[in-house]
Amino acid sequence: MALHLHYSRRALRFNFPARTSRGALTEHVAWYLHLTDAARPGLLALGEAAPLAGLSPDYRPDFEARLQQLCADFNARRYAEADPALAEELLEPEWPALRFGLEAALLDWRGGARRQLFDNAFSRGEAGLPINGLVWMGDADFMRAQIEKKLTEGFRCLKLKIGGIDFAAELALLRLIRAVAGPAELVLRVDANGAFGPDEAPERLARLAEFELHSIEQPIRAGQWAALAALARTAPVPLALDEELIGVTDLARQQELLRTVRPPYIVLKPTLLGGLAATARWIAQAEALGIGWWMTSALESNVGLNAISQFTAQYPVGDMAQGLGTGQLYHNNLAAPLQVRGGQLHYQPAGTWEQPA
C-alpha cells in the first residue's frame, strides 16, 4: 500500500479577457495533482497548483520539470499515510503554488478523497461564506455593466480593480455606485495593485475617501515599507497589504513587515503564500497584532477554490466578505458543487465533481 502522485494540466479560458494591472489574460493554466493508491481503486484526491502570471514566484519555464521531479521523489518514498506537512518538507519556499497543490491533495486524501478537506459548517453544506463581487478593470462601459450585474445578483460587498483606466473615470464609477447604494447598504473595496506612486498616493486616497470605502489593497507597489507605513498611519482609507506578502516566507521577516507597516488588513492568497499552513501562520501573526484579514482566490479553478474556501471556514469570519467568487470566471472550469447565491459561496457535499483528465 503506497500513495502515488501524478498530474494533469488544463488551460482555463476566461469568459472575457481578464484585464489586470499586468495586461490582459485570456487563459490561466492549472496543474492538478492526482493522489491515488493501487490498493484502493476508485479513490482520487486532488490538489491544484496554478501559478499566476506576473505574481507567483513559481510562474517560470521550469515549473513542469519541478512538478515531474516532485512526483518522482514522492513516489520513490512510498508513503502509506497522507501527511499535509510533506508539502513543506518536499518543496522549497520558492514553489508556493506547488506546495499549496500537494498540501490540498494530501488533505483531500486524508478526508476520504471526497473533496472535503475540513469538517465545518461550510464543507457540510450548512452555511455559506460571504464573498465580494469582483469588478474587473476595463473601459468605463465594461466596468459599469459588471457593477450593475453584481448589484442585481444581491452582493453586499463589491471590489473594484482601479489604476487601469483614467482616475477621473474610476471616481465617476464609484460615484455612480454610491448614488445607488450608500455605505449602509453596500461595502466598497478597491484594489490598486500598486498603481499609485508614493508621492501621488496621499492625494488619491483623499479623493477616494469621499466614497466611504472599506479599504484599498496595495495602493503602492510592494517593497516600500517606509512609504506604506506612513500611508497606513495617515490615509483616510484603510490599507490592506496584498502583493506585499508574496515571497516573505521567513517568520521573523513576516513579523517585521507587519510591525513596521501596521496595516489595518492583510489579504491572503494561499497559492501565492505557500499553502494553507503557511497562510495560517500569517493569520496567527496578524491577529496577535490586531490586524484584520480576508482570503482571496488567485484565479484558481474550482479545485483550488474549494480548498481555500473550506480552510477559510475554519475561522469565525462573521460577515467579513471573502474574495472567493472567482469560480464563474471560466467557461471550462472543472464542474463542482460550488454555487454563488445572494452574495455567498455555498458548497454541496453530495454534489458531483468532474475529474480532470
Protein backbone atom coordinates (compact mmCIF):
# COMPACT_ATOMS: atom_id res chain seq x y z
CA MET A 1 0.00 0.00 0.00
CA ALA A 2 1.60 3.26 -1.16
CA LEU A 3 0.32 6.59 -2.33
CA HIS A 4 1.07 7.54 -5.91
CA LEU A 5 1.34 11.12 -7.18
CA HIS A 6 0.87 12.20 -10.80
CA TYR A 7 -0.60 15.24 -12.53
CA SER A 8 -2.65 16.62 -15.40
CA ARG A 9 -2.92 20.05 -16.98
CA ARG A 10 -5.83 22.24 -18.08
CA ALA A 11 -5.76 25.63 -19.81
CA LEU A 12 -8.64 27.53 -18.21
CA ARG A 13 -10.23 30.01 -20.61
CA PHE A 14 -11.77 33.20 -19.29
CA ASN A 15 -15.31 34.16 -20.20
CA PHE A 16 -13.83 37.55 -21.12
CA PRO A 17 -10.25 38.85 -21.22
CA ALA A 18 -9.30 39.43 -17.59
CA ARG A 19 -7.72 42.85 -17.60
CA THR A 20 -5.15 43.18 -14.83
CA SER A 21 -2.51 45.75 -14.00
CA ARG A 22 -0.10 43.45 -15.84
CA GLY A 23 -2.08 43.17 -19.04
CA ALA A 24 -5.00 41.12 -20.35
CA LEU A 25 -5.21 37.40 -19.58
CA THR A 26 -7.15 35.12 -21.91
CA GLU A 27 -6.26 31.83 -20.20
CA HIS A 28 -4.79 30.54 -16.97
CA VAL A 29 -3.10 27.14 -16.69
CA ALA A 30 -3.96 24.86 -13.76
CA TRP A 31 -1.93 21.78 -12.90
CA TYR A 32 -3.89 19.13 -11.00
CA LEU A 33 -2.03 16.89 -8.59
CA HIS A 34 -3.65 13.43 -8.51
CA LEU A 35 -3.16 11.22 -5.44
CA THR A 36 -4.11 7.56 -5.75
CA ASP A 37 -3.33 4.15 -4.22
CA ALA A 38 -3.42 0.90 -6.21
CA ALA A 39 -4.70 -0.88 -3.10
CA ARG A 40 -7.74 1.43 -3.00
CA PRO A 41 -9.02 1.63 -6.59
CA GLY A 42 -11.57 4.31 -7.37
CA LEU A 43 -10.23 6.84 -4.90
CA LEU A 44 -8.71 10.02 -6.30
CA ALA A 45 -7.63 13.02 -4.25
CA LEU A 46 -6.93 16.32 -5.98
CA GLY A 47 -4.92 19.44 -5.39
CA GLU A 48 -4.37 22.40 -7.71
CA ALA A 49 -1.18 24.27 -8.49
CA ALA A 50 -1.94 27.25 -10.70
CA PRO A 51 0.86 29.84 -10.54
CA LEU A 52 -0.35 33.25 -11.62
CA ALA A 53 1.48 35.16 -14.34
CA GLY A 54 3.27 38.23 -13.05
CA LEU A 55 2.74 37.40 -9.36
CA SER A 56 3.62 33.80 -8.48
CA PRO A 57 7.28 33.15 -7.68
CA ASP A 58 6.92 29.77 -9.37
CA TYR A 59 5.44 31.08 -12.62
CA ARG A 60 8.58 30.08 -14.54
CA PRO A 61 9.62 27.90 -17.50
CA ASP A 62 10.87 25.01 -15.35
CA PHE A 63 7.60 24.66 -13.40
CA GLU A 64 6.58 21.39 -15.05
CA ALA A 65 10.08 19.97 -14.67
CA ARG A 66 9.90 20.68 -10.91
CA LEU A 67 6.45 19.09 -10.78
CA GLN A 68 7.77 15.97 -12.52
CA GLN A 69 10.64 15.80 -10.04
CA LEU A 70 8.21 16.19 -7.15
CA CYS A 71 6.15 13.24 -8.39
CA ALA A 72 9.29 11.10 -8.80
CA ASP A 73 10.56 11.97 -5.32
CA PHE A 74 7.17 11.42 -3.72
CA ASN A 75 6.57 8.07 -5.38
CA ALA A 76 10.08 6.80 -4.60
CA ARG A 77 9.41 7.24 -0.88
CA ARG A 78 6.27 5.05 -0.99
CA TYR A 79 4.27 6.93 1.61
CA ALA A 80 1.49 4.94 3.25
CA GLU A 81 -0.11 7.92 5.02
CA ALA A 82 -1.18 11.35 3.77
CA ASP A 83 0.62 13.94 5.88
CA PRO A 84 -0.05 17.54 4.69
CA ALA A 85 3.26 18.61 6.23
CA LEU A 86 5.02 16.77 3.39
CA ALA A 87 4.28 19.76 1.14
CA GLU A 88 6.71 21.95 3.06
CA GLU A 89 9.13 19.07 3.62
CA LEU A 90 9.49 18.18 -0.07
CA LEU A 91 9.27 21.64 -1.67
CA GLU A 92 11.34 24.77 -1.21
CA PRO A 93 9.57 28.06 -0.33
CA GLU A 94 10.09 29.39 -3.86
CA TRP A 95 7.45 26.88 -5.09
CA PRO A 96 4.36 28.22 -3.26
CA ALA A 97 1.75 27.08 -5.79
CA LEU A 98 3.17 23.55 -5.79
CA ARG A 99 3.18 23.50 -2.01
CA PHE A 100 -0.48 24.51 -1.97
CA GLY A 101 -1.40 21.88 -4.56
CA LEU A 102 0.35 19.00 -2.80
CA GLU A 103 -0.92 20.05 0.63
CA ALA A 104 -4.52 20.17 -0.64
CA ALA A 105 -4.23 16.76 -2.33
CA LEU A 106 -2.92 15.23 0.90
CA LEU A 107 -5.71 16.86 2.92
CA ASP A 108 -8.26 15.56 0.41
CA TRP A 109 -6.89 12.01 0.68
CA ARG A 110 -6.94 12.20 4.46
CA GLY A 111 -10.60 13.23 4.25
CA GLY A 112 -11.53 10.24 2.10
CA ALA A 113 -10.83 11.70 -1.38
CA ARG A 114 -14.28 13.36 -1.38
CA ARG A 115 -13.09 16.99 -1.79
CA GLN A 116 -13.93 17.50 1.88
CA LEU A 117 -10.63 18.76 3.28
CA PHE A 118 -12.05 20.16 6.51
CA ASP A 119 -15.12 19.40 8.58
CA ASN A 120 -17.04 22.62 9.20
CA ALA A 121 -20.43 24.16 8.51
CA PHE A 122 -19.39 25.27 5.02
CA SER A 123 -17.99 21.90 3.93
CA ARG A 124 -21.06 20.14 5.32
CA GLY A 125 -23.31 22.41 3.24
CA GLU A 126 -24.89 24.02 6.31
CA ALA A 127 -23.68 27.60 5.84
CA GLY A 128 -22.30 29.86 3.13
CA LEU A 129 -19.34 32.19 3.12
CA PRO A 130 -19.94 35.90 2.41
CA ILE A 131 -17.98 36.97 -0.67
CA ASN A 132 -17.34 40.18 -2.54
CA GLY A 133 -18.40 40.71 -6.13
CA LEU A 134 -15.29 41.34 -8.22
CA VAL A 135 -15.40 44.05 -10.88
CA TRP A 136 -12.56 43.71 -13.39
CA MET A 137 -10.62 46.60 -14.85
CA GLY A 138 -11.60 47.73 -18.33
CA ASP A 139 -13.19 50.70 -20.02
CA ALA A 140 -15.94 52.55 -18.17
CA ASP A 141 -18.82 50.83 -20.01
CA PHE A 142 -17.36 47.36 -19.36
CA MET A 143 -16.96 48.08 -15.65
CA ARG A 144 -20.40 49.73 -15.36
CA ALA A 145 -22.06 46.62 -16.85
CA GLN A 146 -20.31 44.41 -14.29
CA ILE A 147 -21.33 46.67 -11.41
CA GLU A 148 -24.99 46.61 -12.42
CA LYS A 149 -24.92 42.82 -12.72
CA LYS A 150 -23.35 42.32 -9.30
CA LEU A 151 -25.86 44.61 -7.61
CA THR A 152 -28.72 42.75 -9.29
CA GLU A 153 -27.28 39.45 -8.02
CA GLY A 154 -27.53 40.63 -4.43
CA PHE A 155 -23.92 41.26 -3.49
CA ARG A 156 -23.45 43.31 -0.31
CA CYS A 157 -19.77 43.95 -0.98
CA LEU A 158 -18.13 44.98 -4.25
CA LYS A 159 -14.43 45.09 -5.03
CA LEU A 160 -13.21 47.23 -7.93
CA LYS A 161 -9.84 46.98 -9.57
CA ILE A 162 -8.59 50.52 -10.09
CA GLY A 163 -5.48 52.05 -11.60
CA GLY A 164 -6.09 50.65 -15.04
CA ILE A 165 -8.06 53.49 -16.63
CA ASP A 166 -8.22 57.25 -16.14
CA PHE A 167 -8.51 58.03 -12.42
CA ALA A 168 -11.32 60.54 -13.03
CA ALA A 169 -13.31 57.82 -14.82
CA GLU A 170 -12.78 55.47 -11.88
CA LEU A 171 -14.01 58.13 -9.47
CA ALA A 172 -17.08 58.57 -11.66
CA LEU A 173 -17.81 54.82 -11.42
CA LEU A 174 -17.52 54.93 -7.64
CA ARG A 175 -19.84 57.94 -7.58
CA LEU A 176 -22.34 56.02 -9.72
CA ILE A 177 -22.31 53.12 -7.26
CA ARG A 178 -22.76 55.34 -4.23
CA ALA A 179 -25.68 57.08 -5.92
CA VAL A 180 -27.40 53.68 -5.99
CA ALA A 181 -26.24 52.25 -2.65
CA GLY A 182 -24.80 54.03 0.38
CA PRO A 183 -22.29 52.58 2.85
CA ALA A 184 -25.06 51.07 4.97
CA GLU A 185 -26.31 49.03 2.01
CA LEU A 186 -23.07 48.23 0.19
CA VAL A 187 -19.46 47.74 1.29
CA LEU A 188 -16.98 49.01 -1.29
CA ARG A 189 -13.38 47.86 -1.63
CA VAL A 190 -10.82 48.89 -4.22
CA ASP A 191 -7.59 47.24 -5.30
CA ALA A 192 -4.92 49.43 -6.87
CA ASN A 193 -2.39 46.61 -7.45
CA GLY A 194 0.41 49.07 -6.68
CA ALA A 195 -0.70 51.51 -9.39
CA PHE A 196 -0.07 54.73 -7.42
CA GLY A 197 3.28 56.35 -6.87
CA PRO A 198 4.23 57.12 -3.25
CA ASP A 199 4.05 60.88 -3.91
CA GLU A 200 0.59 60.84 -5.51
CA ALA A 201 -0.96 58.23 -3.22
CA PRO A 202 -1.97 60.58 -0.36
CA GLU A 203 -3.89 62.89 -2.70
CA ARG A 204 -5.58 59.99 -4.48
CA LEU A 205 -6.56 58.34 -1.22
CA ALA A 206 -8.02 61.63 -0.03
CA ARG A 207 -10.22 61.75 -3.12
CA LEU A 208 -11.24 58.11 -2.69
CA ALA A 209 -12.27 58.77 0.91
CA GLU A 210 -15.36 60.59 -0.40
CA PHE A 211 -16.92 57.19 -1.12
CA GLU A 212 -16.50 55.77 2.41
CA LEU A 213 -14.52 52.77 1.24
CA HIS A 214 -13.92 49.73 3.40
CA SER A 215 -10.28 49.51 2.27
CA ILE A 216 -7.77 49.86 -0.55
CA GLU A 217 -5.47 46.98 -1.40
CA GLN A 218 -1.82 47.68 -2.16
CA PRO A 219 -2.01 51.37 -3.17
CA ILE A 220 1.73 51.49 -4.00
CA ARG A 221 3.95 48.77 -5.36
CA ALA A 222 5.45 46.22 -2.98
CA GLY A 223 8.78 46.70 -1.25
CA GLN A 224 8.33 50.27 0.00
CA TRP A 225 7.76 49.57 3.67
CA ALA A 226 8.50 53.06 4.99
CA ALA A 227 6.14 54.70 2.49
CA LEU A 228 3.44 52.11 3.25
CA ALA A 229 3.84 52.65 6.98
CA ALA A 230 3.40 56.41 6.53
CA LEU A 231 0.28 55.84 4.44
CA ALA A 232 -1.14 53.38 6.94
CA ARG A 233 -0.79 55.99 9.70
CA THR A 234 -2.34 58.90 7.82
CA ALA A 235 -4.54 57.63 4.97
CA PRO A 236 -8.29 58.32 5.25
CA VAL A 237 -8.92 54.92 3.60
CA PRO A 238 -7.78 51.78 5.49
CA LEU A 239 -4.91 49.94 3.78
CA ALA A 240 -4.75 46.22 3.05
CA LEU A 241 -1.46 44.55 2.11
CA ASP A 242 -1.64 42.05 -0.75
CA GLU A 243 1.35 41.70 -3.09
CA GLU A 244 3.50 42.87 -0.18
CA LEU A 245 3.21 39.43 1.42
CA ILE A 246 4.41 37.43 -1.59
CA GLY A 247 7.84 35.92 -1.15
CA VAL A 248 8.10 36.89 2.53
CA THR A 249 8.46 33.35 3.87
CA ASP A 250 10.73 33.82 6.89
CA LEU A 251 8.71 34.12 10.11
CA ALA A 252 10.89 36.89 11.56
CA ARG A 253 10.66 38.85 8.31
CA GLN A 254 6.87 38.48 8.30
CA GLN A 255 6.70 39.85 11.83
CA GLU A 256 8.98 42.73 10.85
CA LEU A 257 6.73 43.62 7.90
CA LEU A 258 3.53 43.63 9.97
CA ARG A 259 5.10 45.53 12.86
CA THR A 260 6.69 48.11 10.54
CA VAL A 261 3.64 48.87 8.39
CA ARG A 262 0.85 48.08 10.89
CA PRO A 263 -1.80 47.81 8.17
CA PRO A 264 -5.44 47.57 9.19
CA TYR A 265 -5.79 44.46 6.96
CA ILE A 266 -3.87 41.84 5.02
CA VAL A 267 -5.19 39.89 2.04
CA LEU A 268 -4.28 36.20 1.92
CA LYS A 269 -3.82 34.07 -1.22
CA PRO A 270 -2.61 30.54 -0.35
CA THR A 271 -1.40 29.84 -3.90
CA LEU A 272 0.99 32.79 -3.62
CA LEU A 273 1.92 32.32 0.04
CA GLY A 274 2.86 28.64 0.01
CA GLY A 275 -0.26 26.81 1.06
CA LEU A 276 -2.76 26.62 3.88
CA ALA A 277 -0.34 26.01 6.75
CA ALA A 278 1.73 28.99 5.59
CA THR A 279 -1.43 31.10 5.40
CA ALA A 280 -2.42 30.03 8.92
CA ARG A 281 0.91 31.38 10.19
CA TRP A 282 0.17 34.78 8.62
CA ILE A 283 -3.28 34.77 10.25
CA ALA A 284 -1.85 33.99 13.68
CA GLN A 285 0.66 36.81 13.45
CA ALA A 286 -1.88 39.31 12.13
CA GLU A 287 -4.43 38.51 14.82
CA ALA A 288 -1.77 38.83 17.53
CA LEU A 289 -1.25 42.43 16.36
CA GLY A 290 -4.95 43.23 15.96
CA ILE A 291 -4.69 43.23 12.14
CA GLY A 292 -7.76 42.06 10.21
CA TRP A 293 -7.64 39.76 7.20
CA TRP A 294 -9.65 38.14 4.47
CA MET A 295 -8.96 35.35 1.99
CA THR A 296 -8.83 35.76 -1.77
CA SER A 297 -8.56 33.39 -4.70
CA ALA A 298 -5.62 33.81 -7.05
CA LEU A 299 -7.83 32.77 -10.00
CA GLU A 300 -7.69 29.06 -9.20
CA SER A 301 -10.25 26.72 -10.73
CA ASN A 302 -12.88 25.08 -8.54
CA VAL A 303 -10.42 22.57 -7.04
CA GLY A 304 -8.22 25.25 -5.53
CA LEU A 305 -11.19 27.49 -4.72
CA ASN A 306 -12.84 24.68 -2.79
CA ALA A 307 -9.71 24.03 -0.73
CA ILE A 308 -9.29 27.71 0.13
CA SER A 309 -12.97 28.13 0.97
CA GLN A 310 -13.11 25.14 3.30
CA PHE A 311 -9.93 26.34 5.00
CA THR A 312 -11.40 29.84 5.42
CA ALA A 313 -14.49 28.37 7.06
CA GLN A 314 -12.26 27.01 9.82
CA TYR A 315 -12.17 30.58 11.12
CA PRO A 316 -15.05 32.70 12.53
CA VAL A 317 -15.12 35.18 9.64
CA GLY A 318 -18.56 36.56 10.50
CA ASP A 319 -19.81 38.95 7.83
CA MET A 320 -16.32 39.79 6.51
CA ALA A 321 -16.63 39.26 2.75
CA GLN A 322 -14.00 36.95 1.28
CA GLY A 323 -12.60 37.19 -2.23
CA LEU A 324 -13.83 33.76 -3.27
CA GLY A 325 -16.28 34.47 -6.08
CA THR A 326 -13.98 33.55 -8.98
CA GLY A 327 -15.46 30.17 -9.90
CA GLN A 328 -17.60 31.66 -12.67
CA LEU A 329 -14.67 33.28 -14.48
CA TYR A 330 -14.00 30.31 -16.78
CA HIS A 331 -16.18 28.63 -19.37
CA ASN A 332 -14.24 25.35 -18.99
CA ASN A 333 -13.84 25.29 -15.21
CA LEU A 334 -13.86 21.87 -13.59
CA ALA A 335 -17.53 21.21 -12.75
CA ALA A 336 -18.05 21.26 -8.98
CA PRO A 337 -20.87 21.62 -6.42
CA LEU A 338 -19.87 25.20 -5.58
CA GLN A 339 -22.56 27.83 -6.05
CA VAL A 340 -22.82 31.58 -5.58
CA ARG A 341 -26.20 32.65 -4.22
CA GLY A 342 -27.16 36.04 -2.85
CA GLY A 343 -23.59 37.19 -2.34
CA GLN A 344 -22.47 33.98 -0.62
CA LEU A 345 -20.48 30.96 -1.74
CA HIS A 346 -22.06 27.59 -0.92
CA TYR A 347 -20.81 24.01 -1.12
CA GLN A 348 -22.99 20.93 -1.54
CA PRO A 349 -21.05 17.87 -0.32
CA ALA A 350 -23.42 15.43 -2.04
CA GLY A 351 -22.85 17.10 -5.41
CA THR A 352 -20.80 15.78 -8.32
CA TRP A 353 -17.20 16.66 -9.10
CA GLU A 354 -15.73 16.45 -12.57
CA GLN A 355 -12.42 14.61 -12.63
CA PRO A 356 -9.64 16.20 -14.66
CA ALA A 357 -8.26 14.11 -17.50
